[in-house]
PDB file of N, CA and C in Angstrom:
ATOM      1  N   MET A   1      80.538  38.474 -41.046  1.00  0.00           N
ATOM      2  CA  MET A   1      79.129  38.600 -41.322  1.00  0.00           C
ATOM      3  C   MET A   1      78.554  37.194 -41.437  1.00  0.00           C
ATOM      4  N   LEU A   2      77.587  36.901 -40.619  1.00  0.00           N
ATOM      5  CA  LEU A   2      76.941  35.598 -40.631  1.00  0.00           C
ATOM      6  C   LEU A   2      75.681  35.689 -41.480  1.00  0.00           C
ATOM      7  N   VAL A   3      75.568  34.794 -42.467  1.00  0.00           N
ATOM      8  CA  VAL A   3      74.408  34.763 -43.347  1.00  0.00           C
ATOM      9  C   VAL A   3      73.843  33.354 -43.342  1.00  0.00           C
ATOM     10  N   SER A   4      72.530  33.253 -43.182  1.00  0.00           N
ATOM     11  CA  SER A   4      71.877  31.953 -43.269  1.00  0.00           C
ATOM     12  C   SER A   4      70.719  32.062 -44.255  1.00  0.00           C
ATOM     13  N   GLN A   5      70.099  30.942 -44.542  1.00  0.00           N
ATOM     14  CA  GLN A   5      69.023  30.901 -45.516  1.00  0.00           C
ATOM     15  C   GLN A   5      67.737  30.474 -44.814  1.00  0.00           C
ATOM     16  N   LEU A   6      66.651  31.212 -45.045  1.00  0.00           N
ATOM     17  CA  LEU A   6      65.361  30.842 -44.463  1.00  0.00           C
ATOM     18  C   LEU A   6      64.755  29.697 -45.261  1.00  0.00           C
ATOM     19  N   ALA A   7      64.138  28.771 -44.580  1.00  0.00           N
ATOM     20  CA  ALA A   7      63.438  27.682 -45.265  1.00  0.00           C
ATOM     21  C   ALA A   7      62.123  28.220 -45.813  1.00  0.00           C
ATOM     22  N   ASP A   8      61.861  27.949 -47.089  1.00  0.00           N
ATOM     23  CA  ASP A   8      60.599  28.367 -47.691  1.00  0.00           C
ATOM     24  C   ASP A   8      59.485  27.430 -47.259  1.00  0.00           C
ATOM     25  N   LYS A   9      58.301  27.988 -47.044  1.00  0.00           N
ATOM     26  CA  LYS A   9      57.156  27.201 -46.594  1.00  0.00           C
ATOM     27  C   LYS A   9      56.688  26.216 -47.666  1.00  0.00           C
ATOM     28  N   ASP A  10      56.838  26.616 -48.926  1.00  0.00           N
ATOM     29  CA  ASP A  10      56.316  25.793 -50.020  1.00  0.00           C
ATOM     30  C   ASP A  10      57.422  25.022 -50.749  1.00  0.00           C
ATOM     31  N   GLY A  11      58.456  24.641 -50.049  1.00  0.00           N
ATOM     32  CA  GLY A  11      59.515  23.855 -50.678  1.00  0.00           C
ATOM     33  C   GLY A  11      60.599  24.702 -51.289  1.00  0.00           C
ATOM     34  N   GLY A  12      60.224  25.857 -51.834  1.00  0.00           N
ATOM     35  CA  GLY A  12      61.192  26.798 -52.368  1.00  0.00           C
ATOM     36  C   GLY A  12      61.959  26.318 -53.575  1.00  0.00           C
ATOM     37  N   SER A  13      62.826  27.157 -54.047  1.00  0.00           N
ATOM     38  CA  SER A  13      63.699  26.834 -55.171  1.00  0.00           C
ATOM     39  C   SER A  13      64.972  27.639 -55.011  1.00  0.00           C
ATOM     40  N   GLU A  14      65.973  27.258 -55.760  1.00  0.00           N
ATOM     41  CA  GLU A  14      67.242  27.998 -55.699  1.00  0.00           C
ATOM     42  C   GLU A  14      67.115  29.393 -56.294  1.00  0.00           C
ATOM     43  N   SER A  15      66.115  29.596 -57.137  1.00  0.00           N
ATOM     44  CA  SER A  15      65.994  30.892 -57.795  1.00  0.00           C
ATOM     45  C   SER A  15      65.242  31.934 -56.964  1.00  0.00           C
ATOM     46  N   ALA A  16      64.591  31.525 -55.891  1.00  0.00           N
ATOM     47  CA  ALA A  16      63.884  32.451 -55.005  1.00  0.00           C
ATOM     48  C   ALA A  16      64.248  32.097 -53.567  1.00  0.00           C
ATOM     49  N   THR A  17      65.050  32.958 -52.958  1.00  0.00           N
ATOM     50  CA  THR A  17      65.584  32.641 -51.635  1.00  0.00           C
ATOM     51  C   THR A  17      65.574  33.873 -50.739  1.00  0.00           C
ATOM     52  N   THR A  18      65.321  33.635 -49.457  1.00  0.00           N
ATOM     53  CA  THR A  18      65.455  34.684 -48.445  1.00  0.00           C
ATOM     54  C   THR A  18      66.669  34.352 -47.585  1.00  0.00           C
ATOM     55  N   PHE A  19      67.584  35.295 -47.528  1.00  0.00           N
ATOM     56  CA  PHE A  19      68.797  35.148 -46.722  1.00  0.00           C
ATOM     57  C   PHE A  19      68.642  35.988 -45.462  1.00  0.00           C
ATOM     58  N   VAL A  20      69.214  35.518 -44.365  1.00  0.00           N
ATOM     59  CA  VAL A  20      69.157  36.255 -43.097  1.00  0.00           C
ATOM     60  C   VAL A  20      70.575  36.667 -42.732  1.00  0.00           C
ATOM     61  N   PHE A  21      70.785  37.966 -42.599  1.00  0.00           N
ATOM     62  CA  PHE A  21      72.076  38.528 -42.202  1.00  0.00           C
ATOM     63  C   PHE A  21      72.002  38.884 -40.727  1.00  0.00           C
ATOM     64  N   ASP A  22      72.883  38.317 -39.927  1.00  0.00           N
ATOM     65  CA  ASP A  22      72.945  38.661 -38.507  1.00  0.00           C
ATOM     66  C   ASP A  22      73.761  39.938 -38.318  1.00  0.00           C
ATOM     67  N   ASN A  23      73.314  40.774 -37.395  1.00  0.00           N
ATOM     68  CA  ASN A  23      73.989  42.031 -37.043  1.00  0.00           C
ATOM     69  C   ASN A  23      74.138  42.974 -38.230  1.00  0.00           C
ATOM     70  N   GLU A  24      73.164  42.985 -39.100  1.00  0.00           N
ATOM     71  CA  GLU A  24      73.145  43.916 -40.229  1.00  0.00           C
ATOM     72  C   GLU A  24      71.779  44.578 -40.281  1.00  0.00           C
ATOM     73  N   GLY A  25      71.710  45.707 -40.984  1.00  0.00           N
ATOM     74  CA  GLY A  25      70.459  46.451 -41.055  1.00  0.00           C
ATOM     75  C   GLY A  25      70.322  47.208 -42.354  1.00  0.00           C
ATOM     76  N   HIS A  26      69.750  48.410 -42.254  1.00  0.00           N
ATOM     77  CA  HIS A  26      69.421  49.197 -43.432  1.00  0.00           C
ATOM     78  C   HIS A  26      70.646  49.652 -44.227  1.00  0.00           C
ATOM     79  N   THR A  27      71.764  49.872 -43.567  1.00  0.00           N
ATOM     80  CA  THR A  27      72.949  50.354 -44.282  1.00  0.00           C
ATOM     81  C   THR A  27      73.378  49.354 -45.342  1.00  0.00           C
ATOM     82  N   LEU A  28      73.557  48.119 -44.967  1.00  0.00           N
ATOM     83  CA  LEU A  28      73.914  47.079 -45.936  1.00  0.00           C
ATOM     84  C   LEU A  28      72.727  46.747 -46.832  1.00  0.00           C
ATOM     85  N   GLY A  29      71.549  46.624 -46.253  1.00  0.00           N
ATOM     86  CA  GLY A  29      70.369  46.206 -47.013  1.00  0.00           C
ATOM     87  C   GLY A  29      70.048  47.111 -48.177  1.00  0.00           C
ATOM     88  N   ASN A  30      70.047  48.414 -47.953  1.00  0.00           N
ATOM     89  CA  ASN A  30      69.671  49.343 -49.014  1.00  0.00           C
ATOM     90  C   ASN A  30      70.718  49.382 -50.126  1.00  0.00           C
ATOM     91  N   GLY A  31      71.985  49.408 -49.769  1.00  0.00           N
ATOM     92  CA  GLY A  31      73.039  49.421 -50.792  1.00  0.00           C
ATOM     93  C   GLY A  31      73.049  48.144 -51.614  1.00  0.00           C
ATOM     94  N   LEU A  32      72.919  47.019 -50.943  1.00  0.00           N
ATOM     95  CA  LEU A  32      72.912  45.727 -51.627  1.00  0.00           C
ATOM     96  C   LEU A  32      71.677  45.582 -52.515  1.00  0.00           C
ATOM     97  N   ARG A  33      70.533  46.013 -52.015  1.00  0.00           N
ATOM     98  CA  ARG A  33      69.301  45.971 -52.807  1.00  0.00           C
ATOM     99  C   ARG A  33      69.432  46.810 -54.075  1.00  0.00           C
ATOM    100  N   PHE A  34      70.017  47.986 -53.955  1.00  0.00           N
ATOM    101  CA  PHE A  34      70.190  48.874 -55.106  1.00  0.00           C
ATOM    102  C   PHE A  34      71.039  48.197 -56.187  1.00  0.00           C
ATOM    103  N   ILE A  35      72.129  47.592 -55.779  1.00  0.00           N
ATOM    104  CA  ILE A  35      73.044  46.962 -56.737  1.00  0.00           C
ATOM    105  C   ILE A  35      72.418  45.720 -57.366  1.00  0.00           C
ATOM    106  N   ILE A  36      71.882  44.823 -56.545  1.00  0.00           N
ATOM    107  CA  ILE A  36      71.340  43.571 -57.076  1.00  0.00           C
ATOM    108  C   ILE A  36      70.111  43.820 -57.946  1.00  0.00           C
ATOM    109  N   SER A  37      69.312  44.813 -57.620  1.00  0.00           N
ATOM    110  CA  SER A  37      68.124  45.126 -58.427  1.00  0.00           C
ATOM    111  C   SER A  37      68.475  45.537 -59.847  1.00  0.00           C
ATOM    112  N   SER A  38      69.691  45.994 -60.055  1.00  0.00           N
ATOM    113  CA  SER A  38      70.090  46.441 -61.391  1.00  0.00           C
ATOM    114  C   SER A  38      70.504  45.281 -62.306  1.00  0.00           C
ATOM    115  N   TYR A  39      70.654  44.084 -61.768  1.00  0.00           N
ATOM    116  CA  TYR A  39      71.055  42.937 -62.590  1.00  0.00           C
ATOM    117  C   TYR A  39      69.887  42.484 -63.453  1.00  0.00           C
ATOM    118  N   PRO A  40      70.143  42.205 -64.728  1.00  0.00           N
ATOM    119  CA  PRO A  40      69.047  41.873 -65.648  1.00  0.00           C
ATOM    120  C   PRO A  40      68.296  40.576 -65.309  1.00  0.00           C
ATOM    121  N   ASP A  41      68.937  39.619 -64.660  1.00  0.00           N
ATOM    122  CA  ASP A  41      68.277  38.349 -64.342  1.00  0.00           C
ATOM    123  C   ASP A  41      67.487  38.378 -63.041  1.00  0.00           C
ATOM    124  N   VAL A  42      67.485  39.517 -62.352  1.00  0.00           N
ATOM    125  CA  VAL A  42      66.785  39.625 -61.070  1.00  0.00           C
ATOM    126  C   VAL A  42      65.359  40.114 -61.310  1.00  0.00           C
ATOM    127  N   GLU A  43      64.415  39.315 -60.841  1.00  0.00           N
ATOM    128  CA  GLU A  43      62.999  39.654 -60.969  1.00  0.00           C
ATOM    129  C   GLU A  43      62.532  40.509 -59.793  1.00  0.00           C
ATOM    130  N   PHE A  44      63.014  40.184 -58.584  1.00  0.00           N
ATOM    131  CA  PHE A  44      62.660  40.920 -57.374  1.00  0.00           C
ATOM    132  C   PHE A  44      63.829  40.897 -56.408  1.00  0.00           C
ATOM    133  N   CYS A  45      64.032  42.007 -55.729  1.00  0.00           N
ATOM    134  CA  CYS A  45      65.053  42.072 -54.694  1.00  0.00           C
ATOM    135  C   CYS A  45      64.569  43.073 -53.642  1.00  0.00           C
ATOM    136  N   GLY A  46      64.540  42.635 -52.395  1.00  0.00           N
ATOM    137  CA  GLY A  46      64.107  43.517 -51.324  1.00  0.00           C
ATOM    138  C   GLY A  46      64.604  43.010 -49.989  1.00  0.00           C
ATOM    139  N   TYR A  47      64.486  43.869 -48.989  1.00  0.00           N
ATOM    140  CA  TYR A  47      64.938  43.478 -47.654  1.00  0.00           C
ATOM    141  C   TYR A  47      64.003  44.063 -46.615  1.00  0.00           C
ATOM    142  N   THR A  48      64.067  43.493 -45.435  1.00  0.00           N
ATOM    143  CA  THR A  48      63.332  44.030 -44.310  1.00  0.00           C
ATOM    144  C   THR A  48      64.121  43.769 -43.030  1.00  0.00           C
ATOM    145  N   VAL A  49      63.956  44.659 -42.091  1.00  0.00           N
ATOM    146  CA  VAL A  49      64.476  44.453 -40.740  1.00  0.00           C
ATOM    147  C   VAL A  49      63.242  44.157 -39.906  1.00  0.00           C
ATOM    148  N   PRO A  50      63.036  42.878 -39.537  1.00  0.00           N
ATOM    149  CA  PRO A  50      61.780  42.471 -38.906  1.00  0.00           C
ATOM    150  C   PRO A  50      61.406  43.260 -37.651  1.00  0.00           C
ATOM    151  N   HIS A  51      62.388  43.569 -36.816  1.00  0.00           N
ATOM    152  CA  HIS A  51      62.099  44.318 -35.589  1.00  0.00           C
ATOM    153  C   HIS A  51      63.370  45.045 -35.157  1.00  0.00           C
ATOM    154  N   PRO A  52      63.253  46.303 -34.738  1.00  0.00           N
ATOM    155  CA  PRO A  52      64.446  47.068 -34.350  1.00  0.00           C
ATOM    156  C   PRO A  52      65.248  46.431 -33.212  1.00  0.00           C
ATOM    157  N   ALA A  53      64.592  45.669 -32.364  1.00  0.00           N
ATOM    158  CA  ALA A  53      65.297  45.049 -31.239  1.00  0.00           C
ATOM    159  C   ALA A  53      66.034  43.772 -31.655  1.00  0.00           C
ATOM    160  N   GLU A  54      65.741  43.289 -32.855  1.00  0.00           N
ATOM    161  CA  GLU A  54      66.382  42.077 -33.350  1.00  0.00           C
ATOM    162  C   GLU A  54      67.416  42.474 -34.399  1.00  0.00           C
ATOM    163  N   ALA A  55      68.669  42.120 -34.178  1.00  0.00           N
ATOM    164  CA  ALA A  55      69.758  42.527 -35.073  1.00  0.00           C
ATOM    165  C   ALA A  55      69.857  41.576 -36.263  1.00  0.00           C
ATOM    166  N   LYS A  56      68.793  41.554 -37.074  1.00  0.00           N
ATOM    167  CA  LYS A  56      68.767  40.696 -38.254  1.00  0.00           C
ATOM    168  C   LYS A  56      68.142  41.443 -39.421  1.00  0.00           C
ATOM    169  N   MET A  57      68.584  41.086 -40.612  1.00  0.00           N
ATOM    170  CA  MET A  57      67.997  41.629 -41.826  1.00  0.00           C
ATOM    171  C   MET A  57      67.630  40.455 -42.726  1.00  0.00           C
ATOM    172  N   HIS A  58      66.396  40.454 -43.224  1.00  0.00           N
ATOM    173  CA  HIS A  58      65.957  39.440 -44.173  1.00  0.00           C
ATOM    174  C   HIS A  58      66.090  40.027 -45.576  1.00  0.00           C
ATOM    175  N   PHE A  59      66.773  39.301 -46.447  1.00  0.00           N
ATOM    176  CA  PHE A  59      67.072  39.800 -47.792  1.00  0.00           C
ATOM    177  C   PHE A  59      66.555  38.788 -48.809  1.00  0.00           C
ATOM    178  N   ARG A  60      65.592  39.186 -49.629  1.00  0.00           N
ATOM    179  CA  ARG A  60      64.926  38.286 -50.577  1.00  0.00           C
ATOM    180  C   ARG A  60      65.391  38.578 -52.000  1.00  0.00           C
ATOM    181  N   ILE A  61      65.745  37.511 -52.729  1.00  0.00           N
ATOM    182  CA  ILE A  61      66.123  37.617 -54.139  1.00  0.00           C
ATOM    183  C   ILE A  61      65.328  36.585 -54.921  1.00  0.00           C
ATOM    184  N   GLN A  62      64.679  37.030 -56.004  1.00  0.00           N
ATOM    185  CA  GLN A  62      64.002  36.131 -56.933  1.00  0.00           C
ATOM    186  C   GLN A  62      64.593  36.364 -58.321  1.00  0.00           C
ATOM    187  N   MET A  63      65.051  35.276 -58.925  1.00  0.00           N
ATOM    188  CA  MET A  63      65.720  35.346 -60.219  1.00  0.00           C
ATOM    189  C   MET A  63      64.791  34.892 -61.342  1.00  0.00           C
ATOM    190  N   ARG A  64      65.096  35.320 -62.555  1.00  0.00           N
ATOM    191  CA  ARG A  64      64.415  34.823 -63.749  1.00  0.00           C
ATOM    192  C   ARG A  64      65.123  33.566 -64.234  1.00  0.00           C
ATOM    193  N   GLU A  65      64.427  32.773 -65.006  1.00  0.00           N
ATOM    194  CA  GLU A  65      65.002  31.636 -65.726  1.00  0.00           C
ATOM    195  C   GLU A  65      65.680  30.605 -64.822  1.00  0.00           C
ATOM    196  N   GLY A  66      65.245  30.463 -63.602  1.00  0.00           N
ATOM    197  CA  GLY A  66      65.772  29.425 -62.728  1.00  0.00           C
ATOM    198  C   GLY A  66      67.214  29.572 -62.303  1.00  0.00           C
ATOM    199  N   LYS A  67      67.788  30.744 -62.429  1.00  0.00           N
ATOM    200  CA  LYS A  67      69.171  30.958 -61.997  1.00  0.00           C
ATOM    201  C   LYS A  67      69.220  31.037 -60.466  1.00  0.00           C
ATOM    202  N   PRO A  68      70.309  30.561 -59.848  1.00  0.00           N
ATOM    203  CA  PRO A  68      70.368  30.547 -58.380  1.00  0.00           C
ATOM    204  C   PRO A  68      70.528  31.944 -57.772  1.00  0.00           C
ATOM    205  N   ALA A  69      69.720  32.217 -56.764  1.00  0.00           N
ATOM    206  CA  ALA A  69      69.758  33.515 -56.087  1.00  0.00           C
ATOM    207  C   ALA A  69      71.085  33.734 -55.370  1.00  0.00           C
ATOM    208  N   ILE A  70      71.707  32.675 -54.913  1.00  0.00           N
ATOM    209  CA  ILE A  70      72.977  32.812 -54.186  1.00  0.00           C
ATOM    210  C   ILE A  70      74.053  33.443 -55.064  1.00  0.00           C
ATOM    211  N   GLU A  71      74.006  33.190 -56.369  1.00  0.00           N
ATOM    212  CA  GLU A  71      74.993  33.783 -57.274  1.00  0.00           C
ATOM    213  C   GLU A  71      74.807  35.299 -57.368  1.00  0.00           C
ATOM    214  N   ALA A  72      73.566  35.753 -57.388  1.00  0.00           N
ATOM    215  CA  ALA A  72      73.300  37.203 -57.400  1.00  0.00           C
ATOM    216  C   ALA A  72      73.759  37.835 -56.094  1.00  0.00           C
ATOM    217  N   LEU A  73      73.551  37.127 -54.981  1.00  0.00           N
ATOM    218  CA  LEU A  73      73.996  37.648 -53.690  1.00  0.00           C
ATOM    219  C   LEU A  73      75.512  37.772 -53.644  1.00  0.00           C
ATOM    220  N   LYS A  74      76.221  36.750 -54.083  1.00  0.00           N
ATOM    221  CA  LYS A  74      77.690  36.801 -54.095  1.00  0.00           C
ATOM    222  C   LYS A  74      78.195  37.943 -54.962  1.00  0.00           C
ATOM    223  N   LYS A  75      77.631  38.062 -56.170  1.00  0.00           N
ATOM    224  CA  LYS A  75      78.050  39.133 -57.091  1.00  0.00           C
ATOM    225  C   LYS A  75      77.721  40.503 -56.494  1.00  0.00           C
ATOM    226  N   GLY A  76      76.552  40.612 -55.865  1.00  0.00           N
ATOM    227  CA  GLY A  76      76.154  41.875 -55.256  1.00  0.00           C
ATOM    228  C   GLY A  76      77.082  42.300 -54.135  1.00  0.00           C
ATOM    229  N   LEU A  77      77.480  41.358 -53.292  1.00  0.00           N
ATOM    230  CA  LEU A  77      78.410  41.682 -52.209  1.00  0.00           C
ATOM    231  C   LEU A  77      79.769  42.101 -52.760  1.00  0.00           C
ATOM    232  N   GLN A  78      80.231  41.429 -53.812  1.00  0.00           N
ATOM    233  CA  GLN A  78      81.511  41.808 -54.428  1.00  0.00           C
ATOM    234  C   GLN A  78      81.424  43.194 -55.062  1.00  0.00           C
ATOM    235  N   ASP A  79      80.324  43.453 -55.787  1.00  0.00           N
ATOM    236  CA  ASP A  79      80.168  44.759 -56.437  1.00  0.00           C
ATOM    237  C   ASP A  79      80.011  45.882 -55.418  1.00  0.00           C
ATOM    238  N   LEU A  80      79.293  45.630 -54.329  1.00  0.00           N
ATOM    239  CA  LEU A  80      79.152  46.642 -53.276  1.00  0.00           C
ATOM    240  C   LEU A  80      80.504  46.943 -52.633  1.00  0.00           C
ATOM    241  N   SER A  81      81.307  45.918 -52.446  1.00  0.00           N
ATOM    242  CA  SER A  81      82.648  46.106 -51.889  1.00  0.00           C
ATOM    243  C   SER A  81      83.495  46.985 -52.818  1.00  0.00           C
ATOM    244  N   LYS A  82      83.386  46.766 -54.117  1.00  0.00           N
ATOM    245  CA  LYS A  82      84.123  47.583 -55.089  1.00  0.00           C
ATOM    246  C   LYS A  82      83.664  49.040 -55.040  1.00  0.00           C
ATOM    247  N   VAL A  83      82.359  49.254 -54.924  1.00  0.00           N
ATOM    248  CA  VAL A  83      81.823  50.618 -54.838  1.00  0.00           C
ATOM    249  C   VAL A  83      82.357  51.312 -53.589  1.00  0.00           C
ATOM    250  N   CYS A  84      82.383  50.598 -52.471  1.00  0.00           N
ATOM    251  CA  CYS A  84      82.890  51.173 -51.214  1.00  0.00           C
ATOM    252  C   CYS A  84      84.384  51.490 -51.317  1.00  0.00           C
ATOM    253  N   ASP A  85      85.154  50.578 -51.910  1.00  0.00           N
ATOM    254  CA  ASP A  85      86.589  50.822 -52.098  1.00  0.00           C
ATOM    255  C   ASP A  85      86.822  52.058 -52.947  1.00  0.00           C
ATOM    256  N   TYR A  86      86.064  52.188 -54.035  1.00  0.00           N
ATOM    257  CA  TYR A  86      86.204  53.340 -54.926  1.00  0.00           C
ATOM    258  C   TYR A  86      85.835  54.633 -54.193  1.00  0.00           C
ATOM    259  N   THR A  87      84.757  54.593 -53.422  1.00  0.00           N
ATOM    260  CA  THR A  87      84.321  55.770 -52.673  1.00  0.00           C
ATOM    261  C   THR A  87      85.396  56.216 -51.678  1.00  0.00           C
ATOM    262  N   LEU A  88      85.988  55.274 -50.959  1.00  0.00           N
ATOM    263  CA  LEU A  88      87.056  55.604 -50.011  1.00  0.00           C
ATOM    264  C   LEU A  88      88.279  56.181 -50.723  1.00  0.00           C
ATOM    265  N   GLU A  89      88.622  55.609 -51.867  1.00  0.00           N
ATOM    266  CA  GLU A  89      89.774  56.089 -52.639  1.00  0.00           C
ATOM    267  C   GLU A  89      89.560  57.537 -53.081  1.00  0.00           C
ATOM    268  N   ILE A  90      88.393  57.829 -53.623  1.00  0.00           N
ATOM    269  CA  ILE A  90      88.088  59.187 -54.075  1.00  0.00           C
ATOM    270  C   ILE A  90      88.041  60.148 -52.889  1.00  0.00           C
ATOM    271  N   PHE A  91      87.435  59.732 -51.791  1.00  0.00           N
ATOM    272  CA  PHE A  91      87.365  60.588 -50.605  1.00  0.00           C
ATOM    273  C   PHE A  91      88.762  60.931 -50.109  1.00  0.00           C
ATOM    274  N   ASP A  92      89.631  59.911 -49.978  1.00  0.00           N
ATOM    275  CA  ASP A  92      90.997  60.147 -49.491  1.00  0.00           C
ATOM    276  C   ASP A  92      91.750  61.111 -50.398  1.00  0.00           C
ATOM    277  N   THR A  93      91.613  60.924 -51.699  1.00  0.00           N
ATOM    278  CA  THR A  93      92.286  61.802 -52.664  1.00  0.00           C
ATOM    279  C   THR A  93      91.803  63.241 -52.519  1.00  0.00           C
ATOM    280  N   GLU A  94      90.496  63.419 -52.465  1.00  0.00           N
ATOM    281  CA  GLU A  94      89.926  64.765 -52.356  1.00  0.00           C
ATOM    282  C   GLU A  94      90.260  65.407 -51.006  1.00  0.00           C
ATOM    283  N   TYR A  95      90.267  64.619 -49.941  1.00  0.00           N
ATOM    284  CA  TYR A  95      90.600  65.139 -48.622  1.00  0.00           C
ATOM    285  C   TYR A  95      92.048  65.627 -48.582  1.00  0.00           C
ATOM    286  N   LYS A  96      92.959  64.831 -49.124  1.00  0.00           N
ATOM    287  CA  LYS A  96      94.369  65.235 -49.158  1.00  0.00           C
ATOM    288  C   LYS A  96      94.541  66.524 -49.956  1.00  0.00           C
ATOM    289  N   GLN A  97      93.858  66.612 -51.082  1.00  0.00           N
ATOM    290  CA  GLN A  97      93.937  67.817 -51.901  1.00  0.00           C
ATOM    291  C   GLN A  97      93.383  69.022 -51.137  1.00  0.00           C
ATOM    292  N   TYR A  98      92.287  68.837 -50.422  1.00  0.00           N
ATOM    293  CA  TYR A  98      91.702  69.926 -49.648  1.00  0.00           C
ATOM    294  C   TYR A  98      92.651  70.397 -48.557  1.00  0.00           C
ATOM    295  N   VAL A  99      93.250  69.462 -47.823  1.00  0.00           N
ATOM    296  CA  VAL A  99      94.152  69.805 -46.735  1.00  0.00           C
ATOM    297  C   VAL A  99      95.370  70.574 -47.261  1.00  0.00           C
ATOM    298  N   GLU A 100      95.871  70.166 -48.433  1.00  0.00           N
ATOM    299  CA  GLU A 100      97.037  70.837 -49.023  1.00  0.00           C
ATOM    300  C   GLU A 100      96.701  72.262 -49.455  1.00  0.00           C
ATOM    301  N   THR A 101      95.470  72.507 -49.880  1.00  0.00           N
ATOM    302  CA  THR A 101      95.094  73.831 -50.372  1.00  0.00           C
ATOM    303  C   THR A 101      94.420  74.728 -49.324  1.00  0.00           C
ATOM    304  N   HIS A 102      94.127  74.171 -48.163  1.00  0.00           N
ATOM    305  CA  HIS A 102      93.490  74.931 -47.081  1.00  0.00           C
ATOM    306  C   HIS A 102      94.251  74.682 -45.776  1.00  0.00           C
ATOM    307  N   PRO A 103      95.399  75.321 -45.606  1.00  0.00           N
ATOM    308  CA  PRO A 103      96.184  75.095 -44.383  1.00  0.00           C
ATOM    309  C   PRO A 103      95.436  75.575 -43.142  1.00  0.00           C
ATOM    310  N   VAL A 104      95.676  74.886 -42.048  1.00  0.00           N
ATOM    311  CA  VAL A 104      95.040  75.226 -40.779  1.00  0.00           C
ATOM    312  C   VAL A 104      95.933  76.241 -40.056  1.00  0.00           C
ATOM    313  N   ASP A 105      95.308  77.348 -39.646  1.00  0.00           N
ATOM    314  CA  ASP A 105      96.042  78.352 -38.878  1.00  0.00           C
ATOM    315  C   ASP A 105      96.073  77.935 -37.423  1.00  0.00           C
ATOM    316  N   THR A 106      97.284  77.969 -36.825  1.00  0.00           N
ATOM    317  CA  THR A 106      97.397  77.605 -35.417  1.00  0.00           C
ATOM    318  C   THR A 106      97.908  78.750 -34.600  1.00  0.00           C
TER     319      THR A 106
END
């Protein structure tokens, strides 16, 4: 996953940053936005896909108290990965249990 940072027009700060994800869209954007928005130091978190023909997602994070937005992004990606791992683990467990209790007639 390639991520870059957009230059702010007004000089910007570390606490308010727009990141650009190449080859990503609503699937990552919505999940990541949901997780990062729940952090107490986050003032604003949102994303947009500028155009359907362009495989890019712009992801904006604004923090309170001058904390760096990149730290919220890193934590959000780690937490989203944990949620996905947990979801796969539960799915696999439930699927195996279902297959064992519902044999296929051939």
